[in-house]
Amino acid sequence: MGLAIAQAVQIEAADEAATIRMTVNNDGDPISDANRDKIFDAFLTTRRDTGGTGMGLAIAQAVMVTHGGSIGLLQPDRGVAFELRFPAV
């Protein structure tokens, strides 16, 4: 059984004074409990057989931190959700 590819993506943003909060949600397969704590580790992938390198989230986190922001995995009822926080300038 293969992993389901997300069919829908929802993006929301909010101005919270010192930061801009953006949430990105999709309806794909949720992140397993076994992978939740290491989701931002370089080379972690569940899709190596289809060309996944496991670098995307590690790079996203490095870029966010370099620019004074953050990225975190949320726990939605369904799918996958990330919260990104950008410093307001």
PDB file of N, CA and C in Angstrom:
ATOM      1  N   MET A   1       0.840  -1.179   0.000  1.00  0.00           N
ATOM      2  CA  MET A   1       0.000   0.000   0.000  1.00  0.00           C
ATOM      3  C   MET A   1       0.881   1.237   0.000  1.00  0.00           C
ATOM      4  N   GLY A   2       0.695   2.138  -0.937  1.00  0.00           N
ATOM      5  CA  GLY A   2       1.493   3.345  -1.033  1.00  0.00           C
ATOM      6  C   GLY A   2       0.924   4.480  -0.209  1.00  0.00           C
ATOM      7  N   LEU A   3       1.711   5.501  -0.054  1.00  0.00           N
ATOM      8  CA  LEU A   3       1.272   6.684   0.666  1.00  0.00           C
ATOM      9  C   LEU A   3       0.384   7.532  -0.229  1.00  0.00           C
ATOM     10  N   ALA A   4      -0.635   8.129   0.359  1.00  0.00           N
ATOM     11  CA  ALA A   4      -1.545   8.989  -0.401  1.00  0.00           C
ATOM     12  C   ALA A   4      -0.910  10.354  -0.617  1.00  0.00           C
ATOM     13  N   ILE A   5      -0.956  10.825  -1.832  1.00  0.00           N
ATOM     14  CA  ILE A   5      -0.477  12.162  -2.157  1.00  0.00           C
ATOM     15  C   ILE A   5      -1.607  13.138  -1.876  1.00  0.00           C
ATOM     16  N   ALA A   6      -1.284  14.267  -1.272  1.00  0.00           N
ATOM     17  CA  ALA A   6      -2.298  15.265  -0.927  1.00  0.00           C
ATOM     18  C   ALA A   6      -3.025  15.743  -2.176  1.00  0.00           C
ATOM     19  N   GLN A   7      -4.318  15.886  -2.057  1.00  0.00           N
ATOM     20  CA  GLN A   7      -5.149  16.391  -3.146  1.00  0.00           C
ATOM     21  C   GLN A   7      -5.541  17.846  -2.925  1.00  0.00           C
ATOM     22  N   ALA A   8      -5.505  18.303  -1.677  1.00  0.00           N
ATOM     23  CA  ALA A   8      -5.900  19.676  -1.354  1.00  0.00           C
ATOM     24  C   ALA A   8      -4.904  20.274  -0.369  1.00  0.00           C
ATOM     25  N   VAL A   9      -4.599  21.554  -0.551  1.00  0.00           N
ATOM     26  CA  VAL A   9      -3.708  22.291   0.335  1.00  0.00           C
ATOM     27  C   VAL A   9      -4.416  23.575   0.742  1.00  0.00           C
ATOM     28  N   GLN A  10      -4.351  23.895   2.029  1.00  0.00           N
ATOM     29  CA  GLN A  10      -4.951  25.128   2.537  1.00  0.00           C
ATOM     30  C   GLN A  10      -3.851  25.943   3.206  1.00  0.00           C
ATOM     31  N   ILE A  11      -3.782  27.234   2.887  1.00  0.00           N
ATOM     32  CA  ILE A  11      -2.789  28.131   3.469  1.00  0.00           C
ATOM     33  C   ILE A  11      -3.522  29.284   4.128  1.00  0.00           C
ATOM     34  N   GLU A  12      -3.149  29.585   5.368  1.00  0.00           N
ATOM     35  CA  GLU A  12      -3.723  30.709   6.097  1.00  0.00           C
ATOM     36  C   GLU A  12      -2.587  31.534   6.676  1.00  0.00           C
ATOM     37  N   ALA A  13      -2.799  32.833   6.819  1.00  0.00           N
ATOM     38  CA  ALA A  13      -1.793  33.708   7.415  1.00  0.00           C
ATOM     39  C   ALA A  13      -2.470  34.680   8.364  1.00  0.00           C
ATOM     40  N   ALA A  14      -1.741  35.058   9.415  1.00  0.00           N
ATOM     41  CA  ALA A  14      -2.262  36.014  10.385  1.00  0.00           C
ATOM     42  C   ALA A  14      -1.125  36.896  10.876  1.00  0.00           C
ATOM     43  N   ASP A  15      -1.414  38.175  11.033  1.00  0.00           N
ATOM     44  CA  ASP A  15      -0.464  39.144  11.578  1.00  0.00           C
ATOM     45  C   ASP A  15      -0.624  39.129  13.093  1.00  0.00           C
ATOM     46  N   GLU A  16       0.429  38.770  13.799  1.00  0.00           N
ATOM     47  CA  GLU A  16       0.374  38.696  15.259  1.00  0.00           C
ATOM     48  C   GLU A  16       1.388  39.651  15.881  1.00  0.00           C
ATOM     49  N   ALA A  17       1.339  40.905  15.505  1.00  0.00           N
ATOM     50  CA  ALA A  17       2.202  41.977  16.014  1.00  0.00           C
ATOM     51  C   ALA A  17       3.670  41.743  15.658  1.00  0.00           C
ATOM     52  N   ALA A  18       4.414  40.993  16.456  1.00  0.00           N
ATOM     53  CA  ALA A  18       5.848  40.814  16.215  1.00  0.00           C
ATOM     54  C   ALA A  18       6.147  39.710  15.208  1.00  0.00           C
ATOM     55  N   THR A  19       5.151  38.902  14.879  1.00  0.00           N
ATOM     56  CA  THR A  19       5.368  37.815  13.932  1.00  0.00           C
ATOM     57  C   THR A  19       4.198  37.690  12.961  1.00  0.00           C
ATOM     58  N   ILE A  20       4.486  37.084  11.843  1.00  0.00           N
ATOM     59  CA  ILE A  20       3.454  36.675  10.890  1.00  0.00           C
ATOM     60  C   ILE A  20       3.382  35.155  10.996  1.00  0.00           C
ATOM     61  N   ARG A  21       2.192  34.639  11.280  1.00  0.00           N
ATOM     62  CA  ARG A  21       2.004  33.194  11.404  1.00  0.00           C
ATOM     63  C   ARG A  21       1.323  32.668  10.152  1.00  0.00           C
ATOM     64  N   MET A  22       1.905  31.650   9.564  1.00  0.00           N
ATOM     65  CA  MET A  22       1.310  31.015   8.395  1.00  0.00           C
ATOM     66  C   MET A  22       1.147  29.531   8.697  1.00  0.00           C
ATOM     67  N   THR A  23      -0.028  29.002   8.411  1.00  0.00           N
ATOM     68  CA  THR A  23      -0.245  27.571   8.538  1.00  0.00           C
ATOM     69  C   THR A  23      -0.506  26.990   7.159  1.00  0.00           C
ATOM     70  N   VAL A  24       0.082  25.841   6.925  1.00  0.00           N
ATOM     71  CA  VAL A  24      -0.080  25.121   5.663  1.00  0.00           C
ATOM     72  C   VAL A  24      -0.597  23.729   6.018  1.00  0.00           C
ATOM     73  N   ASN A  25      -1.782  23.393   5.504  1.00  0.00           N
ATOM     74  CA  ASN A  25      -2.421  22.104   5.781  1.00  0.00           C
ATOM     75  C   ASN A  25      -2.643  21.360   4.480  1.00  0.00           C
ATOM     76  N   ASN A  26      -2.543  20.035   4.533  1.00  0.00           N
ATOM     77  CA  ASN A  26      -2.939  19.240   3.375  1.00  0.00           C
ATOM     78  C   ASN A  26      -3.706  18.012   3.841  1.00  0.00           C
ATOM     79  N   ASP A  27      -4.303  17.323   2.905  1.00  0.00           N
ATOM     80  CA  ASP A  27      -5.117  16.152   3.235  1.00  0.00           C
ATOM     81  C   ASP A  27      -4.398  14.839   2.931  1.00  0.00           C
ATOM     82  N   GLY A  28      -3.077  14.876   2.894  1.00  0.00           N
ATOM     83  CA  GLY A  28      -2.301  13.658   2.652  1.00  0.00           C
ATOM     84  C   GLY A  28      -2.223  12.788   3.893  1.00  0.00           C
ATOM     85  N   ASP A  29      -1.475  11.703   3.788  1.00  0.00           N
ATOM     86  CA  ASP A  29      -1.299  10.807   4.934  1.00  0.00           C
ATOM     87  C   ASP A  29      -0.629  11.554   6.083  1.00  0.00           C
ATOM     88  N   PRO A  30      -1.095  11.340   7.312  1.00  0.00           N
ATOM     89  CA  PRO A  30      -0.467  12.006   8.458  1.00  0.00           C
ATOM     90  C   PRO A  30       0.957  11.489   8.690  1.00  0.00           C
ATOM     91  N   ILE A  31       1.736  12.287   9.402  1.00  0.00           N
ATOM     92  CA  ILE A  31       3.090  11.887   9.783  1.00  0.00           C
ATOM     93  C   ILE A  31       2.958  10.842  10.893  1.00  0.00           C
ATOM     94  N   SER A  32       3.649   9.742  10.765  1.00  0.00           N
ATOM     95  CA  SER A  32       3.555   8.682  11.776  1.00  0.00           C
ATOM     96  C   SER A  32       4.149   9.154  13.100  1.00  0.00           C
ATOM     97  N   ASP A  33       3.671   8.571  14.187  1.00  0.00           N
ATOM     98  CA  ASP A  33       4.211   8.902  15.504  1.00  0.00           C
ATOM     99  C   ASP A  33       5.711   8.637  15.558  1.00  0.00           C
ATOM    100  N   ALA A  34       6.159   7.589  14.888  1.00  0.00           N
ATOM    101  CA  ALA A  34       7.584   7.236  14.886  1.00  0.00           C
ATOM    102  C   ALA A  34       8.441   8.310  14.221  1.00  0.00           C
ATOM    103  N   ASN A  35       7.871   9.071  13.283  1.00  0.00           N
ATOM    104  CA  ASN A  35       8.641  10.082  12.548  1.00  0.00           C
ATOM    105  C   ASN A  35       8.431  11.506  13.055  1.00  0.00           C
ATOM    106  N   ARG A  36       7.459  11.727  13.931  1.00  0.00           N
ATOM    107  CA  ARG A  36       7.129  13.092  14.359  1.00  0.00           C
ATOM    108  C   ARG A  36       8.329  13.836  14.950  1.00  0.00           C
ATOM    109  N   ASP A  37       9.093  13.188  15.817  1.00  0.00           N
ATOM    110  CA  ASP A  37      10.203  13.863  16.496  1.00  0.00           C
ATOM    111  C   ASP A  37      11.419  14.079  15.609  1.00  0.00           C
ATOM    112  N   LYS A  38      11.459  13.420  14.460  1.00  0.00           N
ATOM    113  CA  LYS A  38      12.637  13.555  13.599  1.00  0.00           C
ATOM    114  C   LYS A  38      12.292  14.078  12.209  1.00  0.00           C
ATOM    115  N   ILE A  39      11.108  14.661  12.057  1.00  0.00           N
ATOM    116  CA  ILE A  39      10.614  15.087  10.744  1.00  0.00           C
ATOM    117  C   ILE A  39      11.527  16.128  10.079  1.00  0.00           C
ATOM    118  N   PHE A  40      12.253  16.914  10.877  1.00  0.00           N
ATOM    119  CA  PHE A  40      13.136  17.936  10.309  1.00  0.00           C
ATOM    120  C   PHE A  40      14.582  17.457  10.166  1.00  0.00           C
ATOM    121  N   ASP A  41      14.848  16.195  10.471  1.00  0.00           N
ATOM    122  CA  ASP A  41      16.199  15.642  10.307  1.00  0.00           C
ATOM    123  C   ASP A  41      16.516  15.465   8.821  1.00  0.00           C
ATOM    124  N   ALA A  42      17.730  15.847   8.456  1.00  0.00           N
ATOM    125  CA  ALA A  42      18.162  15.666   7.065  1.00  0.00           C
ATOM    126  C   ALA A  42      18.154  14.186   6.700  1.00  0.00           C
ATOM    127  N   PHE A  43      17.732  13.904   5.505  1.00  0.00           N
ATOM    128  CA  PHE A  43      17.707  12.578   4.884  1.00  0.00           C
ATOM    129  C   PHE A  43      16.595  11.660   5.402  1.00  0.00           C
ATOM    130  N   LEU A  44      15.708  12.160   6.255  1.00  0.00           N
ATOM    131  CA  LEU A  44      14.559  11.346   6.663  1.00  0.00           C
ATOM    132  C   LEU A  44      13.516  11.405   5.554  1.00  0.00           C
ATOM    133  N   THR A  45      13.189  10.276   4.981  1.00  0.00           N
ATOM    134  CA  THR A  45      12.164  10.223   3.941  1.00  0.00           C
ATOM    135  C   THR A  45      11.419   8.901   4.010  1.00  0.00           C
ATOM    136  N   THR A  46      10.161   8.946   3.641  1.00  0.00           N
ATOM    137  CA  THR A  46       9.366   7.725   3.498  1.00  0.00           C
ATOM    138  C   THR A  46       9.112   7.462   2.019  1.00  0.00           C
ATOM    139  N   ARG A  47       9.736   8.268   1.166  1.00  0.00           N
ATOM    140  CA  ARG A  47       9.494   8.169  -0.279  1.00  0.00           C
ATOM    141  C   ARG A  47      10.785   8.024  -1.096  1.00  0.00           C
ATOM    142  N   ARG A  48      11.780   7.389  -0.532  1.00  0.00           N
ATOM    143  CA  ARG A  48      13.050   7.231  -1.249  1.00  0.00           C
ATOM    144  C   ARG A  48      12.857   6.472  -2.559  1.00  0.00           C
ATOM    145  N   ASP A  49      11.924   5.510  -2.579  1.00  0.00           N
ATOM    146  CA  ASP A  49      11.694   4.713  -3.790  1.00  0.00           C
ATOM    147  C   ASP A  49      11.107   5.525  -4.939  1.00  0.00           C
ATOM    148  N   THR A  50      10.560   6.701  -4.635  1.00  0.00           N
ATOM    149  CA  THR A  50      10.020   7.561  -5.696  1.00  0.00           C
ATOM    150  C   THR A  50      10.836   8.846  -5.846  1.00  0.00           C
ATOM    151  N   GLY A  51      12.059   8.836  -5.336  1.00  0.00           N
ATOM    152  CA  GLY A  51      12.955   9.961  -5.541  1.00  0.00           C
ATOM    153  C   GLY A  51      13.060  10.934  -4.386  1.00  0.00           C
ATOM    154  N   GLY A  52      12.382  10.665  -3.276  1.00  0.00           N
ATOM    155  CA  GLY A  52      12.481  11.561  -2.126  1.00  0.00           C
ATOM    156  C   GLY A  52      13.873  11.513  -1.516  1.00  0.00           C
ATOM    157  N   THR A  53      14.415  12.681  -1.174  1.00  0.00           N
ATOM    158  CA  THR A  53      15.753  12.739  -0.582  1.00  0.00           C
ATOM    159  C   THR A  53      15.721  12.987   0.916  1.00  0.00           C
ATOM    160  N   GLY A  54      14.609  13.472   1.431  1.00  0.00           N
ATOM    161  CA  GLY A  54      14.530  13.793   2.847  1.00  0.00           C
ATOM    162  C   GLY A  54      15.212  15.094   3.197  1.00  0.00           C
ATOM    163  N   MET A  55      15.406  15.960   2.231  1.00  0.00           N
ATOM    164  CA  MET A  55      16.088  17.230   2.485  1.00  0.00           C
ATOM    165  C   MET A  55      15.139  18.425   2.581  1.00  0.00           C
ATOM    166  N   GLY A  56      13.936  18.311   2.059  1.00  0.00           N
ATOM    167  CA  GLY A  56      13.037  19.462   1.971  1.00  0.00           C
ATOM    168  C   GLY A  56      12.739  20.136   3.293  1.00  0.00           C
ATOM    169  N   LEU A  57      12.300  19.381   4.295  1.00  0.00           N
ATOM    170  CA  LEU A  57      11.951  19.991   5.578  1.00  0.00           C
ATOM    171  C   LEU A  57      13.188  20.439   6.347  1.00  0.00           C
ATOM    172  N   ALA A  58      14.306  19.737   6.202  1.00  0.00           N
ATOM    173  CA  ALA A  58      15.553  20.166   6.843  1.00  0.00           C
ATOM    174  C   ALA A  58      15.995  21.515   6.279  1.00  0.00           C
ATOM    175  N   ILE A  59      15.884  21.676   4.976  1.00  0.00           N
ATOM    176  CA  ILE A  59      16.240  22.951   4.337  1.00  0.00           C
ATOM    177  C   ILE A  59      15.259  24.038   4.749  1.00  0.00           C
ATOM    178  N   ALA A  60      13.968  23.724   4.758  1.00  0.00           N
ATOM    179  CA  ALA A  60      12.960  24.713   5.163  1.00  0.00           C
ATOM    180  C   ALA A  60      13.233  25.205   6.578  1.00  0.00           C
ATOM    181  N   GLN A  61      13.562  24.297   7.485  1.00  0.00           N
ATOM    182  CA  GLN A  61      13.848  24.698   8.860  1.00  0.00           C
ATOM    183  C   GLN A  61      15.107  25.567   8.927  1.00  0.00           C
ATOM    184  N   ALA A  62      16.147  25.193   8.208  1.00  0.00           N
ATOM    185  CA  ALA A  62      17.386  25.978   8.210  1.00  0.00           C
ATOM    186  C   ALA A  62      17.147  27.388   7.687  1.00  0.00           C
ATOM    187  N   VAL A  63      16.361  27.527   6.634  1.00  0.00           N
ATOM    188  CA  VAL A  63      16.054  28.850   6.071  1.00  0.00           C
ATOM    189  C   VAL A  63      15.255  29.674   7.076  1.00  0.00           C
ATOM    190  N   MET A  64      14.245  29.066   7.681  1.00  0.00           N
ATOM    191  CA  MET A  64      13.424  29.803   8.650  1.00  0.00           C
ATOM    192  C   MET A  64      14.265  30.288   9.827  1.00  0.00           C
ATOM    193  N   VAL A  65      15.094  29.416  10.392  1.00  0.00           N
ATOM    194  CA  VAL A  65      15.921  29.783  11.538  1.00  0.00           C
ATOM    195  C   VAL A  65      16.931  30.857  11.151  1.00  0.00           C
ATOM    196  N   THR A  66      17.541  30.729   9.986  1.00  0.00           N
ATOM    197  CA  THR A  66      18.516  31.719   9.516  1.00  0.00           C
ATOM    198  C   THR A  66      17.903  33.114   9.433  1.00  0.00           C
ATOM    199  N   HIS A  67      16.629  33.183   9.115  1.00  0.00           N
ATOM    200  CA  HIS A  67      15.953  34.472   8.972  1.00  0.00           C
ATOM    201  C   HIS A  67      15.155  34.864  10.214  1.00  0.00           C
ATOM    202  N   GLY A  68      15.419  34.208  11.338  1.00  0.00           N
ATOM    203  CA  GLY A  68      14.790  34.580  12.596  1.00  0.00           C
ATOM    204  C   GLY A  68      13.388  34.033  12.793  1.00  0.00           C
ATOM    205  N   GLY A  69      13.009  33.060  12.012  1.00  0.00           N
ATOM    206  CA  GLY A  69      11.676  32.475  12.117  1.00  0.00           C
ATOM    207  C   GLY A  69      11.730  31.061  12.653  1.00  0.00           C
ATOM    208  N   SER A  70      10.612  30.368  12.499  1.00  0.00           N
ATOM    209  CA  SER A  70      10.536  28.979  12.945  1.00  0.00           C
ATOM    210  C   SER A  70       9.516  28.224  12.108  1.00  0.00           C
ATOM    211  N   ILE A  71       9.625  26.913  12.132  1.00  0.00           N
ATOM    212  CA  ILE A  71       8.657  26.039  11.480  1.00  0.00           C
ATOM    213  C   ILE A  71       8.427  24.865  12.419  1.00  0.00           C
ATOM    214  N   GLY A  72       7.173  24.480  12.557  1.00  0.00           N
ATOM    215  CA  GLY A  72       6.846  23.361  13.426  1.00  0.00           C
ATOM    216  C   GLY A  72       5.726  22.519  12.845  1.00  0.00           C
ATOM    217  N   LEU A  73       5.715  21.275  13.225  1.00  0.00           N
ATOM    218  CA  LEU A  73       4.683  20.339  12.807  1.00  0.00           C
ATOM    219  C   LEU A  73       3.527  20.434  13.789  1.00  0.00           C
ATOM    220  N   LEU A  74       2.320  20.627  13.283  1.00  0.00           N
ATOM    221  CA  LEU A  74       1.122  20.669  14.117  1.00  0.00           C
ATOM    222  C   LEU A  74       0.483  19.282  14.150  1.00  0.00           C
ATOM    223  N   GLN A  75      -0.541  19.122  14.965  1.00  0.00           N
ATOM    224  CA  GLN A  75      -1.256  17.847  15.056  1.00  0.00           C
ATOM    225  C   GLN A  75      -2.717  18.047  14.651  1.00  0.00           C
ATOM    226  N   PRO A  76      -2.987  18.110  13.355  1.00  0.00           N
ATOM    227  CA  PRO A  76      -4.378  18.283  12.917  1.00  0.00           C
ATOM    228  C   PRO A  76      -5.167  16.981  13.069  1.00  0.00           C
ATOM    229  N   ASP A  77      -6.481  17.097  12.991  1.00  0.00           N
ATOM    230  CA  ASP A  77      -7.328  15.900  13.047  1.00  0.00           C
ATOM    231  C   ASP A  77      -7.076  14.989  11.852  1.00  0.00           C
ATOM    232  N   ARG A  78      -6.756  15.598  10.695  1.00  0.00           N
ATOM    233  CA  ARG A  78      -6.522  14.831   9.463  1.00  0.00           C
ATOM    234  C   ARG A  78      -5.367  15.467   8.699  1.00  0.00           C
ATOM    235  N   GLY A  79      -4.698  14.665   7.902  1.00  0.00           N
ATOM    236  CA  GLY A  79      -3.648  15.184   7.032  1.00  0.00           C
ATOM    237  C   GLY A  79      -2.414  15.635   7.788  1.00  0.00           C
ATOM    238  N   VAL A  80      -1.754  16.640   7.225  1.00  0.00           N
ATOM    239  CA  VAL A  80      -0.510  17.178   7.771  1.00  0.00           C
ATOM    240  C   VAL A  80      -0.633  18.690   7.836  1.00  0.00           C
ATOM    241  N   ALA A  81      -0.088  19.294   8.888  1.00  0.00           N
ATOM    242  CA  ALA A  81      -0.117  20.752   9.018  1.00  0.00           C
ATOM    243  C   ALA A  81       1.201  21.244   9.607  1.00  0.00           C
ATOM    244  N   PHE A  82       1.680  22.347   9.052  1.00  0.00           N
ATOM    245  CA  PHE A  82       2.878  23.005   9.551  1.00  0.00           C
ATOM    246  C   PHE A  82       2.541  24.443   9.888  1.00  0.00           C
ATOM    247  N   GLU A  83       3.210  24.964  10.915  1.00  0.00           N
ATOM    248  CA  GLU A  83       3.086  26.374  11.270  1.00  0.00           C
ATOM    249  C   GLU A  83       4.441  27.027  11.044  1.00  0.00           C
ATOM    250  N   LEU A  84       4.438  28.112  10.284  1.00  0.00           N
ATOM    251  CA  LEU A  84       5.645  28.891  10.036  1.00  0.00           C
ATOM    252  C   LEU A  84       5.460  30.247  10.691  1.00  0.00           C
ATOM    253  N   ARG A  85       6.481  30.716  11.388  1.00  0.00           N
ATOM    254  CA  ARG A  85       6.442  32.039  12.017  1.00  0.00           C
ATOM    255  C   ARG A  85       7.591  32.871  11.465  1.00  0.00           C
ATOM    256  N   PHE A  86       7.219  34.002  10.887  1.00  0.00           N
ATOM    257  CA  PHE A  86       8.176  34.931  10.288  1.00  0.00           C
ATOM    258  C   PHE A  86       8.250  36.174  11.157  1.00  0.00           C
ATOM    259  N   PRO A  87       9.445  36.719  11.390  1.00  0.00           N
ATOM    260  CA  PRO A  87       9.512  37.971  12.138  1.00  0.00           C
ATOM    261  C   PRO A  87       8.902  39.102  11.311  1.00  0.00           C
ATOM    262  N   ALA A  88       8.073  39.912  11.954  1.00  0.00           N
ATOM    263  CA  ALA A  88       7.496  41.072  11.266  1.00  0.00           C
ATOM    264  C   ALA A  88       8.556  42.170  11.233  1.00  0.00           C
ATOM    265  N   VAL A  89       8.733  42.763  10.084  1.00  0.00           N
ATOM    266  CA  VAL A  89       9.724  43.844   9.948  1.00  0.00           C
ATOM    267  C   VAL A  89       9.058  45.106   9.465  1.00  0.00           C
TER     268      VAL A  89
END
